[in-house]
Amino acid sequence: MSSTTTVAMPSSDSNPRLITTTHTADGTSIFGADREVSLFRPFGPSGSSFAVFDTRGAVPVDNLEATGEFLETLPRCPPGGATFCITNIAGNFTVPMHRTLSIDYAVVLSGEIVLKLDNGDEKTVRAGEFIVQAGANHQWINRTNEACRTMFVSLSSEKIKLADGTVLEETMPKRP
């Protein structure tokens, strides 16, 4: 006989909990932090919100480097580095078309989102589905009334250089 346990996903309006690990001087593993990360709402209460959990300036990372706090920080992957964050895209909200200088590994945690490319193609991505976003010019469109929470791990990438020599630059939306 099998049993199923259902775990309630926190609301996209709730501040996420972050647990970190580290080491003692003798190398024993310990917990470093267990804290709530405040959502950053730079676009107002009806726009997107973010929580950056960790940003590293270089890969490979130094696992003895302390994890910082990134309050009121937009998720931006530093050149040569990595970022771990969540984005909550409000219902009936559209993020402008943009390109990042990163490869972004994403999973939709709750809700659904439309990933639209600059050629007009679209795919709807639902909770539990995954994305590898490899520097393509794209936008996020939430056509539902429910916020969509997506987790991202972003790794810095080289600029895309086309066969004709054209270099595709980063085009990020600006904070109002």
Protein backbone atom coordinates (compact mmCIF):
# COMPACT_ATOMS: atom_id res chain seq x y z
CA MET A 1 0.00 0.00 0.00
CA SER A 2 1.49 3.35 -1.00
CA SER A 3 0.82 6.70 0.54
CA THR A 4 1.21 10.14 -0.94
CA THR A 5 2.30 13.17 1.01
CA THR A 6 1.27 16.55 -0.34
CA VAL A 7 3.43 19.51 0.56
CA ALA A 8 1.82 22.92 0.21
CA MET A 9 3.90 25.31 -1.88
CA PRO A 10 4.26 28.68 -0.17
CA SER A 11 2.38 31.50 -1.84
CA SER A 12 4.30 33.67 -4.32
CA ASP A 13 3.48 36.58 -1.98
CA SER A 14 5.29 34.92 0.92
CA ASN A 15 8.93 35.52 1.77
CA PRO A 16 10.95 32.37 1.06
CA ARG A 17 12.99 30.56 3.71
CA LEU A 18 16.70 30.07 2.99
CA ILE A 19 18.88 27.52 4.77
CA THR A 20 22.64 27.57 4.19
CA THR A 21 25.45 25.24 5.21
CA THR A 22 29.10 25.96 5.93
CA HIS A 23 32.05 24.46 7.81
CA THR A 24 33.83 24.86 11.13
CA ALA A 25 37.59 25.52 11.21
CA ASP A 26 38.20 21.74 11.42
CA GLY A 27 35.98 21.04 8.38
CA THR A 28 32.88 19.79 10.20
CA SER A 29 29.65 20.63 8.37
CA ILE A 30 27.30 23.04 10.13
CA PHE A 31 24.27 25.15 9.31
CA GLY A 32 25.21 28.72 8.48
CA ALA A 33 21.81 30.39 8.39
CA ASP A 34 18.10 29.70 8.51
CA ARG A 35 16.27 32.88 7.64
CA GLU A 36 13.43 34.42 5.73
CA VAL A 37 14.46 36.41 2.64
CA SER A 38 12.36 39.52 2.04
CA LEU A 39 10.87 39.88 -1.42
CA PHE A 40 12.13 42.91 -3.37
CA ARG A 41 9.34 44.72 -5.30
CA PRO A 42 11.08 47.34 -7.48
CA PHE A 43 8.14 47.50 -9.93
CA GLY A 44 5.50 48.11 -7.26
CA PRO A 45 2.97 45.75 -5.67
CA SER A 46 1.38 44.71 -8.99
CA GLY A 47 4.67 43.91 -10.79
CA SER A 48 7.37 41.31 -10.40
CA SER A 49 9.11 40.57 -7.12
CA PHE A 50 12.45 38.90 -6.50
CA ALA A 51 14.52 37.18 -3.84
CA VAL A 52 18.23 36.70 -4.52
CA PHE A 53 19.59 33.86 -2.38
CA ASP A 54 23.21 33.86 -3.50
CA THR A 55 25.50 35.54 -6.00
CA ARG A 56 29.09 34.54 -6.62
CA GLY A 57 31.59 36.58 -8.61
CA ALA A 58 33.52 33.62 -10.03
CA VAL A 59 33.08 29.98 -10.95
CA PRO A 60 34.32 27.67 -9.56
CA VAL A 61 33.09 29.12 -6.27
CA ASP A 62 34.88 29.17 -2.92
CA ASN A 63 32.63 27.15 -0.60
CA LEU A 64 34.31 28.74 2.42
CA GLU A 65 33.09 32.18 1.28
CA ALA A 66 30.13 33.27 3.38
CA THR A 67 26.75 33.59 1.70
CA GLY A 68 25.73 37.24 1.74
CA GLU A 69 22.39 38.99 1.99
CA PHE A 70 21.10 40.55 -1.21
CA LEU A 71 18.24 42.76 -0.05
CA GLU A 72 16.71 45.02 -2.69
CA THR A 73 18.78 43.37 -5.41
CA LEU A 74 17.63 42.60 -8.94
CA PRO A 75 18.80 39.16 -10.02
CA ARG A 76 21.75 39.85 -12.31
CA CYS A 77 24.46 37.31 -12.99
CA PRO A 78 27.90 38.91 -12.60
CA PRO A 79 30.44 38.38 -15.42
CA GLY A 80 32.19 35.07 -14.73
CA GLY A 81 29.83 34.32 -11.82
CA ALA A 82 26.57 32.71 -10.79
CA THR A 83 23.25 33.72 -9.20
CA PHE A 84 20.52 31.72 -7.43
CA CYS A 85 17.13 33.42 -7.06
CA ILE A 86 13.38 33.34 -7.48
CA THR A 87 11.19 35.63 -9.53
CA ASN A 88 7.47 36.11 -8.94
CA ILE A 89 5.74 37.49 -12.02
CA ALA A 90 2.40 38.98 -11.06
CA GLY A 91 -0.81 37.93 -12.77
CA ASN A 92 -1.55 39.80 -16.02
CA PHE A 93 1.99 41.24 -16.10
CA THR A 94 4.53 41.24 -18.94
CA VAL A 95 8.29 41.54 -18.57
CA PRO A 96 9.84 43.46 -21.51
CA MET A 97 11.86 41.63 -24.15
CA HIS A 98 15.45 41.18 -22.97
CA ARG A 99 18.65 39.14 -23.35
CA THR A 100 21.00 38.16 -20.52
CA LEU A 101 24.70 37.27 -20.71
CA SER A 102 24.02 34.01 -18.92
CA ILE A 103 22.61 30.55 -19.28
CA ASP A 104 19.59 30.33 -17.01
CA TYR A 105 18.33 27.06 -15.56
CA ALA A 106 14.76 27.54 -14.38
CA VAL A 107 11.89 25.61 -12.88
CA VAL A 108 8.37 26.97 -12.55
CA LEU A 109 7.42 26.37 -8.92
CA SER A 110 3.83 27.64 -9.05
CA GLY A 111 1.48 29.12 -11.63
CA GLU A 112 2.36 29.28 -15.30
CA ILE A 113 4.22 31.64 -17.58
CA VAL A 114 4.49 32.20 -21.33
CA LEU A 115 8.07 32.33 -22.62
CA LYS A 116 8.01 34.41 -25.82
CA LEU A 117 10.99 34.74 -28.18
CA ASP A 118 11.80 37.68 -30.44
CA ASN A 119 10.68 35.67 -33.52
CA GLY A 120 7.16 35.55 -32.02
CA ASP A 121 7.24 31.88 -30.97
CA GLU A 122 5.74 31.13 -27.54
CA LYS A 123 5.63 28.21 -25.12
CA THR A 124 3.54 28.02 -21.95
CA VAL A 125 5.52 26.61 -19.03
CA ARG A 126 3.60 25.28 -16.02
CA ALA A 127 4.44 24.38 -12.41
CA GLY A 128 6.90 21.50 -12.31
CA GLU A 129 8.30 22.17 -15.80
CA PHE A 130 11.87 23.22 -16.61
CA ILE A 131 13.64 25.75 -18.85
CA VAL A 132 17.19 26.10 -20.13
CA GLN A 133 17.30 29.69 -21.39
CA ALA A 134 20.56 30.09 -23.35
CA GLY A 135 20.90 33.84 -23.88
CA ALA A 136 17.95 34.09 -26.30
CA ASN A 137 16.10 37.41 -26.52
CA HIS A 138 12.88 36.67 -24.63
CA GLN A 139 10.06 37.99 -22.53
CA TRP A 140 7.88 36.56 -19.80
CA ILE A 141 4.10 36.97 -20.07
CA ASN A 142 1.71 35.98 -17.31
CA ARG A 143 -1.73 35.72 -18.91
CA THR A 144 -3.38 34.37 -15.75
CA ASN A 145 -4.65 36.11 -12.62
CA GLU A 146 -2.27 34.05 -10.45
CA ALA A 147 1.37 35.00 -9.85
CA CYS A 148 4.01 32.67 -11.30
CA ARG A 149 6.99 31.77 -9.07
CA THR A 150 10.07 30.60 -10.94
CA MET A 151 13.44 29.56 -9.52
CA PHE A 152 16.59 30.43 -11.50
CA VAL A 153 20.22 29.39 -11.36
CA SER A 154 22.15 31.65 -13.74
CA LEU A 155 25.72 31.12 -14.89
CA SER A 156 27.66 33.79 -16.72
CA SER A 157 28.14 33.18 -20.44
CA GLU A 158 30.19 34.54 -23.28
CA LYS A 159 28.46 36.97 -25.65
CA ILE A 160 26.85 35.20 -28.58
CA LYS A 161 28.83 35.82 -31.77
CA LEU A 162 27.02 35.02 -35.02
CA ALA A 163 28.74 33.60 -38.11
CA ASP A 164 28.71 37.07 -39.76
CA GLY A 165 30.58 38.55 -36.77
CA THR A 166 27.55 40.21 -35.17
CA VAL A 167 27.76 40.15 -31.38
CA LEU A 168 24.49 39.90 -29.43
CA GLU A 169 24.67 42.22 -26.42
CA GLU A 170 22.76 42.08 -23.16
CA THR A 171 19.47 44.00 -23.22
CA MET A 172 18.07 44.08 -19.70
CA PRO A 173 14.90 45.90 -18.58
CA LYS A 174 15.72 48.93 -16.47
CA ARG A 175 14.44 49.44 -12.95
CA PRO A 176 11.85 52.25 -12.87
